[in-house]
Protein backbone atom coordinates (compact mmCIF):
# COMPACT_ATOMS: atom_id res chain seq x y z
CA MET A 1 109.84 96.58 129.42
CA SER A 2 112.93 95.13 130.74
CA GLY A 3 114.22 92.11 128.78
CA THR A 4 112.04 93.05 125.66
CA PRO A 5 114.02 93.01 122.35
CA LEU A 6 114.55 96.38 120.99
CA TRP A 7 112.58 95.50 117.96
CA VAL A 8 109.47 94.78 119.73
CA ARG A 9 106.95 97.32 121.21
CA ASP A 10 103.32 96.71 122.18
CA GLY A 11 103.63 93.17 121.05
CA LYS A 12 104.41 94.39 117.52
CA ARG A 13 107.55 93.24 115.82
CA LEU A 14 109.85 94.49 113.05
CA PRO A 15 109.79 92.55 109.69
CA LEU A 16 112.37 89.78 109.54
CA ASP A 17 112.58 89.52 113.19
CA SER A 18 112.90 85.81 112.88
CA THR A 19 116.71 84.84 112.00
CA LEU A 20 115.29 81.75 110.16
CA VAL A 21 112.98 83.83 108.01
CA ALA A 22 115.89 86.40 107.39
CA LEU A 23 118.19 83.65 106.35
CA ALA A 24 115.47 82.08 104.10
CA ASN A 25 115.20 85.64 102.44
CA LEU A 26 118.85 85.85 101.80
CA GLY A 27 118.66 82.40 100.36
CA LEU A 28 116.09 83.40 97.84
CA LEU A 29 118.02 86.58 97.01
CA ALA A 30 121.00 84.40 96.29
CA ALA A 31 119.10 82.09 94.13
CA ALA A 32 117.54 84.98 92.27
CA ALA A 33 120.80 86.97 91.88
CA PRO A 34 121.49 85.96 88.09
CA LEU A 35 117.86 87.02 87.35
CA LEU A 36 118.04 90.19 89.34
CA GLY A 37 121.44 91.02 87.58
CA MET A 38 119.85 90.47 84.05
CA LEU A 39 116.88 92.62 85.31
CA CYS A 40 119.25 95.44 86.45
CA VAL A 41 120.89 95.45 83.19
CA THR A 42 117.73 95.45 81.32
CA SER A 43 116.30 98.30 83.47
CA ILE A 44 119.46 100.43 82.84
CA GLY A 45 119.02 99.76 78.98
CA LEU A 46 115.32 100.51 78.96
CA ALA A 47 115.97 103.67 81.07
CA VAL A 48 118.59 104.96 78.58
CA ALA A 49 116.41 104.12 75.44
CA LYS A 50 113.49 105.89 77.03
CA ALA A 51 115.57 108.90 77.96
CA VAL A 52 116.84 109.11 74.26
CA LEU A 53 113.81 108.19 72.39
CA PHE A 54 111.07 109.58 74.50
CA PRO A 55 112.68 112.30 76.74
CA THR A 56 110.55 113.81 79.50
CA PRO A 57 109.24 117.20 78.43
CA LYS A 58 110.50 120.26 80.28
CA ALA A 59 108.42 122.86 82.04
CA LYS A 60 109.22 126.27 83.67
CA LYS A 61 107.36 128.62 85.83
CA PRO A 62 104.75 130.44 83.59
CA ALA A 63 105.88 133.69 82.33
CA GLU A 64 102.50 135.25 82.92
CA GLY A 65 102.71 134.14 86.57
CA ASP A 66 100.58 131.72 88.52
CA GLU A 67 98.31 133.69 90.62
CA LEU A 68 94.63 133.80 89.86
CA ARG A 69 93.26 137.16 88.86
CA ASP A 70 90.12 138.81 90.09
CA VAL A 71 89.29 136.47 92.85
CA THR A 72 87.21 137.65 95.83
CA LYS A 73 88.73 136.70 99.16
CA LYS A 74 86.26 136.10 101.82
CA PRO A 75 87.36 137.10 105.37
CA PHE A 76 89.06 134.20 107.22
CA GLN A 77 86.70 134.71 110.15
CA ASP A 78 83.60 134.59 107.85
CA ARG A 79 84.31 131.34 106.03
CA LYS A 80 81.93 128.56 106.44
CA PHE A 81 84.08 125.63 107.01
CA ASP A 82 87.21 125.05 109.20
CA ILE A 83 88.45 122.23 106.84
CA VAL A 84 87.43 120.53 103.72
CA ILE A 85 88.83 117.01 103.11
CA LEU A 86 89.65 116.64 99.31
CA GLY A 87 90.00 113.05 98.29
CA ALA A 88 87.75 111.90 100.93
CA THR A 89 86.78 108.62 98.96
CA GLY A 90 90.40 107.46 98.64
CA PHE A 91 92.22 105.01 100.91
CA THR A 92 94.00 107.61 103.06
CA GLY A 93 91.07 110.15 102.75
CA THR A 94 88.54 107.95 104.16
CA ARG A 95 90.83 107.37 107.20
CA ALA A 96 91.05 111.15 107.60
CA VAL A 97 87.29 111.31 107.47
CA ARG A 98 86.91 108.67 110.12
CA HIS A 99 89.35 110.37 112.36
CA VAL A 100 87.60 113.70 112.42
CA ALA A 101 84.16 112.03 112.75
CA LYS A 102 85.33 109.95 115.81
CA GLU A 103 87.36 112.54 117.42
CA TYR A 104 85.31 115.66 117.25
CA ALA A 105 81.63 116.13 118.59
CA ALA A 106 79.11 117.45 116.28
CA GLY A 107 79.56 121.10 115.86
CA GLU A 108 83.00 121.16 117.37
CA VAL A 109 84.55 121.35 113.96
CA LYS A 110 82.91 122.99 110.93
CA TRP A 111 83.81 120.60 108.01
CA ALA A 112 83.00 119.13 104.68
CA ILE A 113 84.29 116.42 102.39
CA ALA A 114 85.06 116.90 98.60
CA GLY A 115 85.72 114.73 95.54
CA ARG A 116 84.69 113.96 92.04
CA ARG A 117 81.63 111.79 92.60
CA LYS A 118 78.52 112.81 94.62
CA ASP A 119 77.40 109.04 95.12
CA ALA A 120 80.82 108.01 96.47
CA LEU A 121 80.97 111.18 98.91
CA ASP A 122 77.50 110.21 100.12
CA ALA A 123 78.54 106.71 100.86
CA VAL A 124 81.40 107.97 102.83
CA ARG A 125 79.54 110.35 105.03
CA LYS A 126 76.79 107.71 105.78
CA SER A 127 79.62 105.26 106.63
CA VAL A 128 80.84 107.48 109.36
CA GLY A 129 77.28 108.19 110.74
CA LEU A 130 77.06 111.76 109.41
CA PRO A 131 74.40 111.62 106.40
CA ASP A 132 74.09 115.41 106.70
CA LEU A 133 77.81 116.20 106.43
CA ALA A 134 78.33 118.91 103.82
CA ILE A 135 79.79 117.66 100.41
CA ILE A 136 81.50 119.66 97.75
CA VAL A 137 81.71 118.13 94.12
CA CYS A 138 84.89 119.15 92.40
CA ASP A 139 87.35 117.73 89.94
CA VAL A 140 91.04 118.73 90.17
CA THR A 141 91.43 118.28 86.49
CA LYS A 142 88.65 120.97 85.92
CA PRO A 143 90.02 124.16 87.48
CA GLU A 144 86.72 125.95 87.05
CA THR A 145 85.17 123.52 89.77
CA LEU A 146 87.88 124.38 92.51
CA HIS A 147 86.46 127.94 93.38
CA ASP A 148 83.75 126.39 95.58
CA LEU A 149 86.44 124.07 97.14
CA VAL A 150 88.70 126.91 98.50
CA ARG A 151 86.77 130.14 98.83
CA ASP A 152 84.78 129.24 101.89
CA THR A 153 87.08 127.26 103.98
CA ARG A 154 89.99 128.04 106.18
CA ALA A 155 92.07 125.08 105.23
CA VAL A 156 92.01 122.40 102.60
CA VAL A 157 93.21 119.07 103.50
CA SER A 158 94.21 117.01 100.48
CA THR A 159 94.89 113.40 100.13
CA ALA A 160 94.14 113.46 96.39
CA GLY A 161 97.37 111.97 94.78
CA PRO A 162 99.54 111.32 92.96
CA PHE A 163 100.14 115.15 93.60
CA THR A 164 102.41 115.61 90.62
CA VAL A 165 99.33 114.81 88.45
CA HIS A 166 96.49 116.12 90.74
CA GLY A 167 97.79 118.61 93.22
CA THR A 168 99.12 121.73 91.48
CA GLU A 169 95.82 123.42 90.70
CA VAL A 170 94.52 122.95 94.17
CA VAL A 171 97.67 124.63 95.45
CA LYS A 172 97.39 127.46 92.96
CA PHE A 173 93.72 128.13 94.05
CA CYS A 174 94.60 127.94 97.88
CA ALA A 175 97.64 130.22 97.35
CA SER A 176 95.49 132.76 95.49
CA TYR A 177 92.46 132.70 97.72
CA GLY A 178 94.65 132.96 101.04
CA THR A 179 93.31 129.51 102.02
CA HIS A 180 95.57 127.35 104.11
CA TYR A 181 96.40 123.99 102.80
CA ALA A 182 97.80 120.64 104.16
CA ASP A 183 98.40 117.52 102.17
CA SER A 184 99.93 113.87 102.55
CA THR A 185 102.32 113.98 99.60
CA GLY A 186 105.80 112.58 99.80
CA GLU A 187 106.64 113.65 96.21
CA VAL A 188 109.48 116.17 97.12
CA ASP A 189 110.32 117.13 93.52
CA TRP A 190 106.73 118.33 93.26
CA VAL A 191 107.03 120.12 96.54
CA ARG A 192 110.13 121.83 95.25
CA GLU A 193 108.07 123.10 92.16
CA MET A 194 105.31 124.39 94.47
CA VAL A 195 107.96 126.32 96.44
CA ASP A 196 109.26 127.93 93.34
CA ARG A 197 105.88 128.78 91.73
CA PHE A 198 103.63 129.58 94.69
CA ASP A 199 105.75 130.69 97.77
CA GLY A 200 105.79 134.26 96.83
CA ILE A 201 101.89 134.12 96.17
CA ALA A 202 101.20 132.59 99.32
CA ARG A 203 103.29 135.03 101.28
CA ARG A 204 101.28 137.70 99.79
CA SER A 205 97.85 136.34 100.52
CA GLY A 206 98.86 134.87 103.87
CA ALA A 207 98.14 131.26 102.98
CA ARG A 208 100.12 128.66 104.57
CA ILE A 209 100.73 125.83 101.95
CA VAL A 210 102.09 122.88 104.16
CA ASN A 211 103.05 119.73 102.23
CA CYS A 212 104.26 116.37 103.52
CA CYS A 213 101.75 116.18 106.40
CA GLY A 214 101.88 112.42 106.82
CA ASN A 215 104.24 109.49 107.30
CA ASP A 216 106.30 111.68 104.88
CA SER A 217 107.75 113.47 106.74
CA VAL A 218 105.96 114.54 110.09
CA PRO A 219 107.77 112.38 112.58
CA TRP A 220 111.23 113.55 111.45
CA ASP A 221 110.53 117.11 110.76
CA LEU A 222 108.62 117.62 114.14
CA SER A 223 111.49 115.66 116.01
CA LEU A 224 114.12 117.94 114.81
CA TRP A 225 111.92 120.99 115.58
CA ALA A 226 111.50 119.72 119.14
CA CYS A 227 115.07 118.87 119.75
CA ALA A 228 116.15 122.31 118.40
CA GLN A 229 113.88 123.94 120.96
CA GLU A 230 115.31 121.61 123.76
CA LEU A 231 118.90 122.51 122.96
CA LYS A 232 117.94 126.16 123.28
CA LYS A 233 116.47 125.85 126.87
CA ALA A 234 119.98 125.66 128.47
CA ALA A 235 121.60 128.03 125.87
CA PRO A 236 119.51 130.29 123.65
CA ASP A 237 122.36 130.62 121.24
CA ASN A 238 122.80 126.86 120.77
CA SER A 239 122.35 125.65 117.20
CA VAL A 240 121.90 122.15 115.89
CA ALA A 241 125.16 120.81 114.42
CA GLU A 242 123.85 117.17 113.75
CA ILE A 243 120.79 114.95 114.06
CA GLU A 244 120.70 111.17 113.69
CA CYS A 245 117.37 109.50 113.37
CA PHE A 246 116.77 105.81 114.02
CA ASN A 247 113.52 104.36 112.63
CA ARG A 248 111.76 101.09 113.45
CA SER A 249 108.57 100.47 111.39
CA ARG A 250 106.20 98.10 109.97
CA ALA A 251 103.77 98.90 107.00
CA VAL A 252 102.14 97.80 103.78
CA PRO A 253 101.85 100.21 100.77
CA SER A 254 98.52 100.92 99.23
CA GLY A 255 97.69 101.43 95.57
CA GLY A 256 97.72 105.09 96.00
CA THR A 257 101.16 105.07 97.46
CA LEU A 258 102.49 102.88 94.65
CA ALA A 259 100.83 105.21 92.21
CA SER A 260 102.83 108.13 93.57
CA VAL A 261 106.05 106.11 93.39
CA PHE A 262 105.49 105.26 89.78
CA ALA A 263 104.54 108.93 89.04
CA THR A 264 107.73 110.12 90.89
CA LEU A 265 109.78 107.69 88.70
CA ASN A 266 107.88 108.66 85.44
CA PRO A 267 107.01 112.28 85.94
CA PRO A 268 104.65 113.85 83.18
CA TYR A 269 107.42 116.56 82.78
CA LYS A 270 110.74 117.83 84.22
CA TYR A 271 110.31 121.03 86.07
CA THR A 272 113.19 123.71 85.58
CA SER A 273 113.40 126.19 88.43
CA SER A 274 113.50 129.97 87.69
CA ALA A 275 115.73 130.42 90.77
CA ALA A 276 119.58 130.31 90.55
CA PHE A 277 119.51 127.89 93.58
CA ASP A 278 117.43 125.03 94.87
CA PRO A 279 114.11 126.54 95.54
CA MET A 280 113.88 124.47 98.87
CA LEU A 281 116.32 127.12 100.25
CA ILE A 282 113.97 129.95 99.64
CA ASP A 283 113.11 132.01 102.65
CA ASN A 284 111.10 135.17 102.29
CA GLY A 285 112.05 135.32 98.54
CA GLU A 286 115.81 135.04 99.21
CA LYS A 287 118.35 132.23 99.49
CA SER A 288 118.74 131.16 103.13
CA TRP A 289 122.30 130.88 104.63
CA ALA A 290 121.14 127.69 106.47
CA ARG A 291 121.79 124.45 104.64
CA VAL A 292 121.57 120.70 105.36
CA VAL A 293 124.45 118.22 104.80
CA SER A 294 122.75 114.79 104.00
CA ARG A 295 124.57 111.52 105.05
CA ILE A 296 121.80 109.13 104.42
CA TRP A 297 123.28 106.88 101.66
CA VAL A 298 124.49 104.08 103.93
CA LEU A 299 123.46 100.62 102.93
CA LEU A 300 124.66 98.78 106.06
CA SER A 301 126.06 100.02 109.39
CA TYR A 302 126.18 99.36 113.11
CA ALA A 303 124.25 101.92 115.05
CA ARG A 304 126.10 102.30 118.25
CA ARG A 305 123.63 104.52 120.04
CA GLU A 306 120.94 101.83 119.40
CA ASN A 307 123.33 98.88 119.83
CA ALA A 308 121.86 97.35 116.64
CA TRP A 309 122.41 96.77 112.96
CA ALA A 310 120.97 99.42 110.57
CA THR A 311 120.18 99.88 107.01
CA LEU A 312 119.39 102.54 104.32
CA SER A 313 116.05 104.11 105.28
CA LEU A 314 113.84 104.47 102.14
CA MET A 315 112.29 107.48 103.99
CA ALA A 316 115.53 109.35 104.29
CA PRO A 317 115.64 110.98 100.83
CA PRO A 318 112.39 112.72 100.97
CA ASN A 319 112.89 113.50 104.71
CA ALA A 320 116.18 115.11 104.10
CA ARG A 321 114.74 117.56 101.50
CA VAL A 322 111.90 118.45 103.80
CA ILE A 323 114.18 119.09 106.65
CA SER A 324 116.34 121.15 104.34
CA ARG A 325 113.31 123.30 103.69
CA SER A 326 112.55 123.73 107.45
CA ASN A 327 116.16 124.62 108.29
CA ALA A 328 116.16 127.10 105.53
CA ILE A 329 113.25 128.94 107.23
CA LEU A 330 113.82 128.27 110.86
CA LYS A 331 117.66 128.26 110.77
CA TYR A 332 118.48 125.42 113.23
CA GLY A 333 122.00 125.41 112.09
CA GLU A 334 124.29 126.83 109.47
CA SER A 335 125.42 123.51 107.98
CA LEU A 336 123.40 120.89 109.94
CA VAL A 337 124.22 117.25 109.29
CA TYR A 338 121.17 115.12 108.83
CA LYS A 339 121.54 111.21 109.32
CA GLU A 340 118.76 108.49 109.10
CA VAL A 341 118.80 104.78 109.17
CA SER A 342 116.33 101.94 109.67
CA ILE A 343 117.09 99.54 112.53
CA ALA A 344 117.14 95.84 111.81
CA PRO A 345 116.59 92.98 114.41
CA SER A 346 119.68 91.20 113.48
CA LEU A 347 122.61 91.15 110.91
CA PRO A 348 120.94 88.58 108.72
CA ALA A 349 117.85 90.74 108.64
CA ALA A 350 120.01 93.71 107.83
CA LEU A 351 121.54 91.92 104.93
CA ALA A 352 118.24 90.64 103.63
CA ALA A 353 116.82 94.28 103.90
CA VAL A 354 119.71 95.48 101.70
CA GLY A 355 119.10 92.70 99.22
CA ASN A 356 115.41 93.58 99.10
CA ILE A 357 115.98 97.10 98.44
CA PHE A 358 118.16 96.30 95.46
CA ALA A 359 115.65 93.91 94.26
CA VAL A 360 112.81 96.48 94.47
CA VAL A 361 115.02 99.18 92.70
CA CYS A 362 115.47 96.75 89.77
CA VAL A 363 111.89 95.86 89.47
CA LEU A 364 110.74 99.53 89.67
CA TRP A 365 113.02 100.62 86.84
CA CYS A 366 111.87 97.77 84.62
CA THR A 367 108.84 99.34 82.91
CA PRO A 368 107.36 96.09 81.36
CA LEU A 369 107.59 94.31 84.51
CA THR A 370 106.12 97.21 86.58
CA TRP A 371 103.41 97.25 84.20
CA LEU A 372 102.57 93.75 84.65
CA LEU A 373 102.61 94.07 88.47
CA ARG A 374 100.44 96.98 88.49
CA ARG A 375 97.86 95.36 86.35
CA TYR A 376 97.88 91.95 87.86
CA VAL A 377 99.49 91.76 91.31
CA LEU A 378 99.76 95.12 93.16
CA HIS A 379 96.99 97.11 95.05
CA LYS A 380 95.14 99.56 92.75
CA PRO A 381 94.57 103.24 93.77
CA GLY A 382 91.74 103.33 96.35
CA SER A 383 92.64 99.86 97.65
CA GLY A 384 95.37 98.94 100.29
CA PRO A 385 96.35 96.60 103.12
CA THR A 386 93.86 94.65 105.28
CA GLU A 387 92.73 95.86 108.70
CA ALA A 388 94.85 93.00 110.16
CA GLU A 389 97.80 94.15 108.33
CA MET A 390 97.25 97.74 109.48
CA ASP A 391 96.74 96.52 113.10
CA ALA A 392 100.29 95.15 112.87
CA GLY A 393 101.62 98.30 111.72
CA PHE A 394 103.58 100.93 113.77
CA LEU A 395 106.36 103.51 113.41
CA ASP A 396 108.89 104.35 116.30
CA VAL A 397 111.46 107.17 115.54
CA THR A 398 114.29 107.96 118.01
CA CYS A 399 116.29 111.02 117.32
CA PHE A 400 119.69 112.49 118.78
CA ALA A 401 120.54 115.98 118.02
CA LYS A 402 124.04 117.44 118.80
CA GLY A 403 124.20 121.25 119.56
CA THR A 404 127.10 123.44 118.86
CA LYS A 405 127.72 124.08 122.48
CA PRO A 406 130.25 121.34 123.65
CA GLY A 407 128.60 118.37 125.27
CA SER A 408 124.93 119.55 124.32
CA LEU A 409 122.63 116.66 123.34
CA ALA A 410 118.97 116.18 122.92
CA LYS A 411 116.96 113.03 122.57
CA SER A 412 113.39 112.68 121.15
CA ARG A 413 111.23 109.68 120.70
CA MET A 414 108.00 109.58 118.69
CA TYR A 415 105.71 106.68 118.56
CA PHE A 416 102.67 105.86 116.26
CA ALA A 417 100.81 102.75 117.54
CA THR A 418 99.20 101.64 114.49
CA ASP A 419 99.69 101.59 110.58
CA PRO A 420 101.72 104.78 109.85
CA PHE A 421 100.98 104.84 106.14
CA TYR A 422 97.21 105.26 106.19
CA ARG A 423 95.59 105.20 109.53
CA GLU A 424 98.08 107.55 111.17
CA THR A 425 98.80 109.56 108.07
CA GLY A 426 94.87 110.16 107.86
CA ARG A 427 94.96 111.34 111.37
CA MET A 428 98.25 113.42 110.83
CA VAL A 429 97.02 115.38 107.72
CA ALA A 430 93.54 116.02 109.23
CA GLU A 431 95.18 117.41 112.36
CA ALA A 432 97.50 119.58 110.18
CA GLY A 433 94.52 121.05 108.48
CA LEU A 434 92.75 121.63 111.88
CA ALA A 435 95.98 123.21 113.36
CA LEU A 436 96.02 125.66 110.34
CA ALA A 437 92.41 126.53 110.74
CA LEU A 438 92.17 126.83 114.54
CA ALA A 439 95.33 127.66 116.07
CA ASP A 440 95.84 131.07 117.30
CA GLU A 441 98.01 132.95 114.68
CA LYS A 442 100.56 134.16 117.24
CA PHE A 443 101.74 130.69 117.94
CA PHE A 444 102.75 129.88 114.36
CA PRO A 445 106.56 129.62 113.99
CA GLY A 446 106.99 131.32 110.61
CA GLY A 447 104.72 134.16 111.30
CA HIS A 448 103.74 134.41 107.62
CA GLY A 449 102.34 132.55 104.76
CA GLY A 450 104.27 130.70 102.19
CA VAL A 451 104.98 127.14 101.02
CA LEU A 452 106.14 125.64 104.18
CA THR A 453 106.61 122.57 106.14
CA THR A 454 105.00 121.00 109.25
CA ALA A 455 107.83 122.61 111.48
CA SER A 456 107.97 125.94 109.84
CA GLY A 457 104.35 126.22 109.06
CA ILE A 458 102.50 124.84 112.25
CA GLY A 459 105.08 123.57 114.69
CA GLY A 460 104.04 123.54 118.26
CA PRO A 461 100.19 123.80 117.83
CA TYR A 462 100.43 120.85 115.47
CA LEU A 463 102.58 118.71 117.63
CA GLU A 464 100.24 119.42 120.53
CA ARG A 465 97.20 118.09 118.52
CA LEU A 466 99.07 115.07 117.52
CA ILE A 467 99.88 114.14 121.19
CA LYS A 468 96.30 114.99 122.27
CA THR A 469 94.94 112.54 119.66
CA GLY A 470 97.29 109.48 120.21
CA THR A 471 100.98 110.15 119.34
CA GLN A 472 103.42 109.29 122.02
CA PHE A 473 106.27 111.82 122.21
CA SER A 474 109.11 112.85 124.52
CA VAL A 475 112.11 115.09 124.25
CA GLU A 476 114.86 115.56 126.80
CA THR A 477 118.36 116.65 127.34
CA VAL A 478 120.84 113.97 127.56
CA GLN A 479 123.78 114.45 130.05
């Protein structure tokens, strides 16, 4: 709409869009600066002491291998369910369930929900008006219960995090049974481990293990995929030299997201790869020649393409790792430069955002303080933002991709009209599972199984499903 500020869409506004509020935020940060400084020093000291006194155990790929032995693989076309939603009683999982129940008529999709407690699962199915929906009781901490979860479905959709703690056995079973898998994780160090341990098993079984099918990192991964296709329309030999992404968003984290953050900061073990290179670069068992150069660590900048101030995107580090994996498989470019920033409505807002990032980092690294916050202040796993807070949420991602051909430039825009962390992630991960289960095999970009990304594992069929169910997306060549 003409005259509408660039940080407003559908009447929704970016945080700190009021200059007065941004200045007040800066004032609070200035007043708290001595305390934050002490907290930062304390955090560093505690981190060093913990590393010395209580080092994180190291783990390697098991010498005997990860593949399950003596499993009976049911033919794909004979399996009872298209998808099973694991973690269906959690904050994100319930939204995935609601999406499938609302979007698809009875009988259109064959599906079930899974979790640890039958009574909780029964409550979820009744809440969506499907009292006869199939349920599977299983516990990810008890591997012997997972056979029934994976053997009779085409795809498992998992929202059961933290995945560093609860995800590995599910991936192991899916890879061994040849069952497709999609999850909502953003824990890229865990994804790296999954690639190293299970990519070969999944390639042999035909299972597509697709991680990061939510707000981490679908919008950026698919935007790059679409821009790469657009650049090749005029010149088939055109590669992507650089992509620059500009984010506008509003969201509030849930207890599950915070638990995943803390699990990432305090992993139960440090995984050591058996490969001589980053496993994210594995392509068909070998090291890919296509790599990504990340230029994301920019605290404050002026985005000339958007004519706005920009700050460090907290989504950029995991997104860059996911895109590195996609590029290794799909080979967009030999040395693709990846840039990503978050747009701020004003310079004071940008400065306040930088200060807030610094404050959050200090708090996260101070173990006693995070313990107090998790116990008495922050959302617990299974709880999250209010409906009103989610109503105000949105995500708007604009990307510009430069081709290696002189003057070639593609522009994409992807918009999610409500809360991206949970409502939209529930929809995204459910549709990822359905794309894996129902799309014609010939349309998959990779053409084989493995531990993949949304771009390399489901690509076009997935993007089409997202657009059909509510995502606004466009891609064009810019002259």
